[in-house]
Protein backbone atom coordinates (compact mmCIF):
# COMPACT_ATOMS: atom_id res chain seq x y z
CA UNK A 1 -0.69 29.78 2.22
CA UNK A 2 -1.31 30.67 -1.44
CA UNK A 3 -0.10 34.12 -2.48
CA UNK A 4 -2.67 36.42 -4.03
CA UNK A 5 -1.67 37.41 -7.54
CA UNK A 6 -2.99 39.23 -10.59
CA UNK A 7 -0.91 38.57 -13.69
CA UNK A 8 -1.49 40.27 -17.04
CA UNK A 9 -0.01 38.90 -20.28
CA UNK A 10 0.21 41.37 -23.17
CA UNK A 11 -0.03 40.61 -26.87
CA UNK A 12 2.50 41.78 -29.42
CA UNK A 13 1.97 45.43 -30.51
CA UNK A 14 0.14 45.61 -33.83
CA UNK A 15 1.98 48.76 -34.96
CA UNK A 16 4.71 51.10 -33.69
CA UNK A 17 3.42 53.44 -31.04
CA UNK A 18 0.33 51.32 -30.37
CA UNK A 19 0.07 50.00 -26.83
CA UNK A 20 -0.10 46.24 -26.45
CA UNK A 21 -3.38 44.87 -25.20
CA UNK A 22 -3.78 42.06 -22.67
CA UNK A 23 -4.81 38.69 -24.08
CA UNK A 24 -4.73 36.74 -20.78
CA UNK A 25 -5.39 37.88 -17.23
CA UNK A 26 -4.71 35.28 -14.56
CA UNK A 27 -6.36 35.88 -11.18
CA UNK A 28 -5.00 33.75 -8.32
CA UNK A 29 -6.90 34.17 -5.06
CA UNK A 30 -8.39 37.46 -6.35
CA UNK A 31 -9.69 40.09 -3.99
CA UNK A 32 -12.98 41.90 -4.54
CA UNK A 33 -11.06 44.98 -5.66
CA UNK A 34 -9.11 43.00 -8.29
CA UNK A 35 -12.23 41.39 -9.67
CA UNK A 36 -14.03 44.71 -9.82
CA UNK A 37 -11.07 46.40 -11.50
CA UNK A 38 -10.78 43.75 -14.24
CA UNK A 39 -14.54 43.66 -14.79
CA UNK A 40 -14.79 47.45 -15.10
CA UNK A 41 -11.77 47.84 -17.36
CA UNK A 42 -12.73 45.11 -19.83
CA UNK A 43 -16.52 45.13 -19.55
CA UNK A 44 -16.78 41.60 -18.20
CA UNK A 45 -18.57 39.95 -15.32
CA UNK A 46 -16.03 38.18 -13.12
CA UNK A 47 -17.88 35.61 -10.97
CA UNK A 48 -17.17 35.26 -7.29
CA UNK A 49 -15.92 32.04 -5.75
CA UNK A 50 -19.43 31.19 -4.56
CA UNK A 51 -20.76 31.58 -8.10
CA UNK A 52 -17.98 29.40 -9.52
CA UNK A 53 -18.78 26.68 -6.97
CA UNK A 54 -22.40 26.30 -8.10
CA UNK A 55 -23.06 22.80 -9.45
CA UNK A 56 -25.83 23.50 -11.97
CA UNK A 57 -24.73 23.12 -15.58
CA UNK A 58 -26.41 26.41 -16.45
CA UNK A 59 -24.23 28.13 -13.83
CA UNK A 60 -21.00 26.47 -14.87
CA UNK A 61 -21.46 26.93 -18.62
CA UNK A 62 -22.84 30.24 -19.88
CA UNK A 63 -22.62 32.13 -23.14
CA UNK A 64 -23.38 35.84 -23.51
CA UNK A 65 -22.71 36.87 -27.07
CA UNK A 66 -19.05 36.10 -27.76
CA UNK A 67 -18.16 35.74 -24.08
CA UNK A 68 -18.14 32.28 -22.50
CA UNK A 69 -18.12 31.81 -18.72
CA UNK A 70 -16.88 28.32 -17.82
CA UNK A 71 -16.08 26.72 -14.47
CA UNK A 72 -15.10 23.34 -13.05
CA UNK A 73 -14.04 21.93 -9.65
CA UNK A 74 -10.42 21.28 -8.81
CA UNK A 75 -9.17 19.19 -5.89
CA UNK A 76 -6.72 21.12 -3.75
CA UNK A 77 -3.41 19.22 -3.36
CA UNK A 78 -2.74 18.29 0.30
CA UNK A 79 0.69 19.97 0.18
CA UNK A 80 -1.00 23.29 -0.67
CA UNK A 81 -3.67 23.37 2.03
CA UNK A 82 -5.33 21.09 4.53
CA UNK A 83 -8.77 21.96 3.14
CA UNK A 84 -10.16 18.85 1.47
CA UNK A 85 -12.95 20.70 -0.31
CA UNK A 86 -12.55 21.27 -4.07
CA UNK A 87 -11.57 24.70 -5.29
CA UNK A 88 -13.21 26.12 -8.43
CA UNK A 89 -11.47 27.11 -11.64
CA UNK A 90 -13.13 29.68 -13.88
CA UNK A 91 -12.56 30.72 -17.50
CA UNK A 92 -13.98 33.86 -19.13
CA UNK A 93 -13.22 33.38 -22.81
CA UNK A 94 -13.72 35.86 -25.67
CA UNK A 95 -11.99 36.28 -29.06
CA UNK A 96 -9.69 38.96 -27.65
CA UNK A 97 -9.26 38.13 -23.97
CA UNK A 98 -9.00 35.14 -21.63
CA UNK A 99 -9.53 35.61 -17.88
CA UNK A 100 -8.80 32.73 -15.52
CA UNK A 101 -9.91 32.75 -11.91
CA UNK A 102 -8.42 30.16 -9.58
CA UNK A 103 -7.94 29.64 -5.87
CA UNK A 104 -5.22 27.01 -5.93
CA UNK A 105 -2.20 26.22 -8.15
CA UNK A 106 -3.35 24.38 -11.25
CA UNK A 107 -1.21 21.84 -13.07
CA UNK A 108 -0.25 23.03 -16.54
CA UNK A 109 -0.50 26.76 -15.91
CA UNK A 110 3.20 27.13 -15.14
CA UNK A 111 4.17 25.29 -18.33
CA UNK A 112 1.94 27.51 -20.47
CA UNK A 113 3.20 30.71 -18.86
CA UNK A 114 6.80 29.60 -19.36
CA UNK A 115 6.16 28.96 -23.06
CA UNK A 116 4.52 32.36 -23.46
CA UNK A 117 7.41 34.13 -21.76
CA UNK A 118 9.91 32.32 -23.97
CA UNK A 119 7.96 33.21 -27.10
CA UNK A 120 7.17 29.58 -27.94
CA UNK A 121 3.38 30.06 -27.82
CA UNK A 122 1.03 32.42 -29.68
CA UNK A 123 -0.03 35.48 -27.72
CA UNK A 124 -3.78 35.29 -28.13
CA UNK A 125 -6.65 34.22 -25.92
CA UNK A 126 -7.91 31.24 -27.93
CA UNK A 127 -4.49 29.59 -28.33
CA UNK A 128 -3.78 30.11 -24.63
CA UNK A 129 -7.12 28.57 -23.67
CA UNK A 130 -6.41 25.53 -25.87
CA UNK A 131 -2.90 25.21 -24.41
CA UNK A 132 -4.25 25.29 -20.84
CA UNK A 133 -6.84 22.63 -21.63
CA UNK A 134 -4.21 20.39 -23.26
CA UNK A 135 -1.82 20.80 -20.30
CA UNK A 136 -4.55 19.91 -17.80
CA UNK A 137 -5.49 16.84 -19.83
CA UNK A 138 -1.85 15.71 -19.96
CA UNK A 139 -1.54 16.07 -16.19
CA UNK A 140 -4.66 14.00 -15.57
CA UNK A 141 -3.42 11.33 -17.97
CA UNK A 142 -0.23 11.12 -15.89
CA UNK A 143 -2.30 10.83 -12.71
CA UNK A 144 -4.37 8.00 -14.18
CA UNK A 145 -1.23 6.14 -15.25
CA UNK A 146 0.25 6.49 -11.75
CA UNK A 147 -2.98 5.32 -10.08
CA UNK A 148 -3.26 2.35 -12.43
CA UNK A 149 0.36 1.37 -11.71
CA UNK A 150 -0.35 1.58 -7.97
CA UNK A 151 -3.37 -0.71 -8.28
CA UNK A 152 -1.42 -3.24 -10.37
CA UNK A 153 1.42 -3.27 -7.84
CA UNK A 154 -0.97 -3.85 -4.94
CA UNK A 155 -2.72 -6.62 -6.86
CA UNK A 156 0.54 -8.52 -7.26
CA UNK A 157 1.43 -8.04 -3.60
CA UNK A 158 -1.96 -9.18 -2.33
CA UNK A 159 -2.18 -12.38 -4.31
CA UNK A 160 1.51 -13.19 -3.92
CA UNK A 161 1.11 -12.97 -0.14
CA UNK A 162 -2.11 -14.94 -0.23
CA UNK A 163 -0.57 -17.99 -1.85
CA UNK A 164 2.66 -17.82 0.16
CA UNK A 165 0.90 -19.33 3.21
CA UNK A 166 2.21 -16.77 5.70
CA UNK A 167 3.59 -18.16 8.95
CA UNK A 168 2.58 -15.05 10.88
CA UNK A 169 -1.14 -14.38 10.29
CA UNK A 170 -1.17 -11.25 12.48
CA UNK A 171 1.46 -9.57 10.33
CA UNK A 172 -0.32 -10.71 7.16
CA UNK A 173 -3.67 -9.34 8.36
CA UNK A 174 -2.00 -6.04 9.28
CA UNK A 175 -0.57 -5.82 5.76
CA UNK A 176 -4.00 -6.53 4.27
CA UNK A 177 -5.57 -3.75 6.33
CA UNK A 178 -2.88 -1.34 5.20
CA UNK A 179 -3.49 -2.30 1.58
CA UNK A 180 -7.23 -1.87 2.08
CA UNK A 181 -6.61 1.67 3.32
CA UNK A 182 -4.29 2.35 0.37
CA UNK A 183 -6.85 1.07 -2.11
CA UNK A 184 -9.44 3.33 -0.50
CA UNK A 185 -7.18 6.37 -0.85
CA UNK A 186 -6.45 5.43 -4.47
CA UNK A 187 -10.16 5.14 -5.19
CA UNK A 188 -10.74 8.54 -3.61
CA UNK A 189 -8.07 10.12 -5.83
CA UNK A 190 -9.54 8.34 -8.83
CA UNK A 191 -12.96 9.83 -8.15
CA UNK A 192 -11.36 13.27 -7.95
CA UNK A 193 -9.68 12.75 -11.32
CA UNK A 194 -13.00 11.57 -12.77
CA UNK A 195 -14.74 14.74 -11.57
CA UNK A 196 -12.05 16.86 -13.23
CA UNK A 197 -12.30 14.89 -16.48
CA UNK A 198 -16.07 15.36 -16.57
CA UNK A 199 -15.62 19.09 -15.96
CA UNK A 200 -13.11 19.34 -18.80
CA UNK A 201 -15.40 17.36 -21.10
CA UNK A 202 -18.26 19.76 -20.47
CA UNK A 203 -16.05 22.82 -20.97
CA UNK A 204 -14.48 21.58 -24.22
CA UNK A 205 -17.79 20.39 -25.65
CA UNK A 206 -19.60 23.61 -24.76
CA UNK A 207 -16.80 25.72 -26.23
CA UNK A 208 -16.82 23.80 -29.51
CA UNK A 209 -20.59 24.15 -29.81
CA UNK A 210 -20.86 27.84 -28.93
CA UNK A 211 -17.91 29.28 -30.90
CA UNK A 212 -18.59 28.22 -34.50
CA UNK A 213 -18.26 31.78 -35.80
CA UNK A 214 -15.01 32.90 -34.16
CA UNK A 215 -13.05 29.91 -32.89
CA UNK A 216 -10.85 29.29 -35.93
CA UNK A 217 -9.99 26.03 -37.70
CA UNK A 218 -6.69 25.40 -35.91
CA UNK A 219 -8.06 25.91 -32.39
CA UNK A 220 -11.18 23.91 -33.26
CA UNK A 221 -8.98 21.00 -34.38
CA UNK A 222 -6.95 21.18 -31.17
CA UNK A 223 -10.09 21.20 -29.03
CA UNK A 224 -11.58 18.31 -31.04
CA UNK A 225 -8.43 16.32 -30.39
CA UNK A 226 -8.62 17.22 -26.70
CA UNK A 227 -12.24 16.07 -26.68
CA UNK A 228 -11.22 12.68 -28.09
CA UNK A 229 -8.43 12.41 -25.53
CA UNK A 230 -10.92 13.08 -22.75
CA UNK A 231 -13.18 10.29 -24.02
CA UNK A 232 -10.28 7.82 -24.03
CA UNK A 233 -9.17 8.96 -20.56
CA UNK A 234 -12.71 8.54 -19.25
CA UNK A 235 -12.79 4.97 -20.61
CA UNK A 236 -9.41 4.26 -19.02
CA UNK A 237 -10.62 5.75 -15.74
CA UNK A 238 -13.71 3.49 -15.82
CA UNK A 239 -11.48 0.46 -16.36
CA UNK A 240 -9.20 1.52 -13.51
CA UNK A 241 -12.22 2.11 -11.29
CA UNK A 242 -13.42 -1.45 -11.94
CA UNK A 243 -9.96 -2.68 -10.90
CA UNK A 244 -10.24 -0.67 -7.69
CA UNK A 245 -13.58 -2.34 -6.95
CA UNK A 246 -12.06 -5.74 -7.68
CA UNK A 247 -9.16 -5.03 -5.32
CA UNK A 248 -11.54 -3.88 -2.58
CA UNK A 249 -13.63 -7.04 -2.93
CA UNK A 250 -10.52 -9.25 -3.07
CA UNK A 251 -8.88 -7.75 0.03
CA UNK A 252 -12.13 -7.83 2.00
CA UNK A 253 -12.57 -11.46 0.94
CA UNK A 254 -9.06 -12.34 2.09
CA UNK A 255 -9.58 -10.61 5.41
CA UNK A 256 -12.85 -12.46 5.87
CA UNK A 257 -11.16 -15.76 5.00
CA UNK A 258 -8.41 -15.17 7.55
CA UNK A 259 -10.99 -14.29 10.20
CA UNK A 260 -12.90 -17.50 9.41
CA UNK A 261 -9.67 -19.47 9.81
CA UNK A 262 -9.18 -17.95 13.26
CA UNK A 263 -12.76 -18.75 14.27
CA UNK A 264 -12.35 -22.30 12.95
CA UNK A 265 -9.23 -22.84 15.06
CA UNK A 266 -10.96 -21.46 18.15
CA UNK A 267 -13.98 -23.70 17.50
CA UNK A 268 -11.81 -26.81 17.11
CA UNK A 269 -9.86 -26.01 20.27
CA UNK A 270 -13.07 -25.48 22.24
CA UNK A 271 -14.60 -28.73 20.95
CA UNK A 272 -11.42 -30.70 21.66
CA UNK A 273 -11.33 -29.34 25.20
CA UNK A 274 -14.91 -30.27 26.11
CA UNK A 275 -14.54 -34.09 26.58
CA UNK A 276 -11.39 -33.89 28.76
CA UNK A 277 -13.02 -31.18 30.86
CA UNK A 278 -16.13 -33.32 31.28
CA UNK A 279 -14.12 -36.36 32.36
CA UNK A 280 -11.91 -34.36 34.71
CA UNK A 281 -14.92 -32.67 36.31
CA UNK A 282 -16.69 -36.04 36.71
CA UNK A 283 -13.71 -37.60 38.55
CA UNK A 284 -13.22 -34.46 40.54
CA UNK A 285 -16.61 -34.76 42.32
CA UNK A 286 -14.95 -36.84 45.13
CA UNK A 287 -17.92 -39.08 45.91
CA UNK A 288 -17.09 -41.73 48.51
CA UNK A 289 -18.49 -44.61 46.49
CA UNK A 290 -16.70 -44.07 43.17
CA UNK A 291 -15.57 -47.43 41.63
CA UNK A 292 -12.19 -46.06 40.56
CA UNK A 293 -11.47 -44.20 43.80
CA UNK A 294 -9.76 -47.13 45.54
CA UNK A 295 -8.49 -48.77 42.36
CA UNK A 296 -4.73 -49.01 42.08
CA UNK A 297 -4.72 -47.90 38.43
CA UNK A 298 -7.60 -45.43 38.72
CA UNK A 299 -5.43 -42.33 38.40
CA UNK A 300 -3.64 -43.65 35.31
CA UNK A 301 -6.97 -44.75 33.85
CA UNK A 302 -8.41 -41.26 34.33
CA UNK A 303 -5.41 -39.61 32.70
CA UNK A 304 -5.49 -42.02 29.78
CA UNK A 305 -9.22 -41.43 29.33
CA UNK A 306 -8.64 -37.66 29.26
CA UNK A 307 -5.88 -38.01 26.64
CA UNK A 308 -7.97 -40.33 24.46
CA UNK A 309 -11.00 -38.05 24.70
CA UNK A 310 -8.81 -35.16 23.43
CA UNK A 311 -7.17 -37.15 20.62
CA UNK A 312 -10.37 -38.63 19.18
CA UNK A 313 -11.96 -35.23 18.20
CA UNK A 314 -8.65 -34.16 16.65
CA UNK A 315 -8.54 -37.33 14.54
CA UNK A 316 -12.17 -36.84 13.56
CA UNK A 317 -11.52 -33.21 12.46
CA UNK A 318 -8.45 -34.40 10.55
CA UNK A 319 -10.51 -37.05 8.77
CA UNK A 320 -13.13 -34.47 7.85
CA UNK A 321 -10.42 -32.20 6.43
CA UNK A 322 -11.01 -29.35 8.87
CA UNK A 323 -7.48 -29.45 10.31
C-alpha cells in the first residue's frame, strides 16, 4: 500500500518578513480534494490519473503560455504493488512552480528531496525539474547495465553447457527452459525501460523547444546533456534488445536440437526393433510343417537370426553417422 502524501517545498525568503513561496509541490496518490486545493491556490489545472494515462502525444505534452503539462508512463515495481499496469507520472512546470503528480514511488525523487533538504540543490522549479530528469536517467542507465550483464551471463552459461555434452539431457533441457523464461522476463523489463526512455525523450525535447524565453542557459545546457544521454541510452537499449532476440533464438534452437536428438534415438530404436520382432512373430506362428520346427538347432538358429537382424541396422546407422 502506497501512502497518500502532499509535500510542499518552499523557496528561500527573498526579504525579511516576506513569506517563502513554494517552488515544488509533490503529489503522491493525490485525492480529488488535494488536486482541487493545489489547482485553486496556484491557478493551475492538475490532471487526473485518467488524463495522465492518455497515450496521445497532444495529451501528454501540452503548453499553455508559460505552463507545461507533461506526462509519461512508469512501470510499478513488483515489490510496491501486484498491479502490472504502468502508473503515470505528471509534471506541471512553470518558471516559478513545479508540480509532480505520481501514483508510485519514482526512482530519483528521494535523492533530489534529500539534496534539497540538505541545502545542496537550488530551491527553484527549473533546477528541481532538471535534477529529477537527471536522476531518472541515471536510474535507467543502471537498469540497462544490469540487464545487459544478465544477458551476457546467460549467454556464457548457455553455450558453455551446450558444448559440455551433458550426460543428463533432462536436467540440461530443464535448465534451458529456465533460461528461456529468464530471457523472456529480461526482455519484458527491457521493453519497460525503453518505454520510459521514450517518454523522457519526448518530455526533455518538448521542454527545450517550448521554453526558449524563460528556461535559462544553465538549465538548457543540463537538459541538452540529458537529451544526449537519452540518445546514447536508447542506442544501448537497442543493442541489448538485439542480444535478447539472439538469446531467444539460440535457446529455442538448442531446445529444438535436443528434441530432434530424442526423436532420432526413438526412431533408431524403433527401426532396430522391427526385424527381430518380424522374425520372432514369424517363428511364433506354430505351423505344423515349419522346416525348423523339428530341427535340432532350430531354436539357436532363430535366436542367432534375431540377434543378427538387430545388429545389422545398428551397424548401418553407425556407418551413416547417425549413431
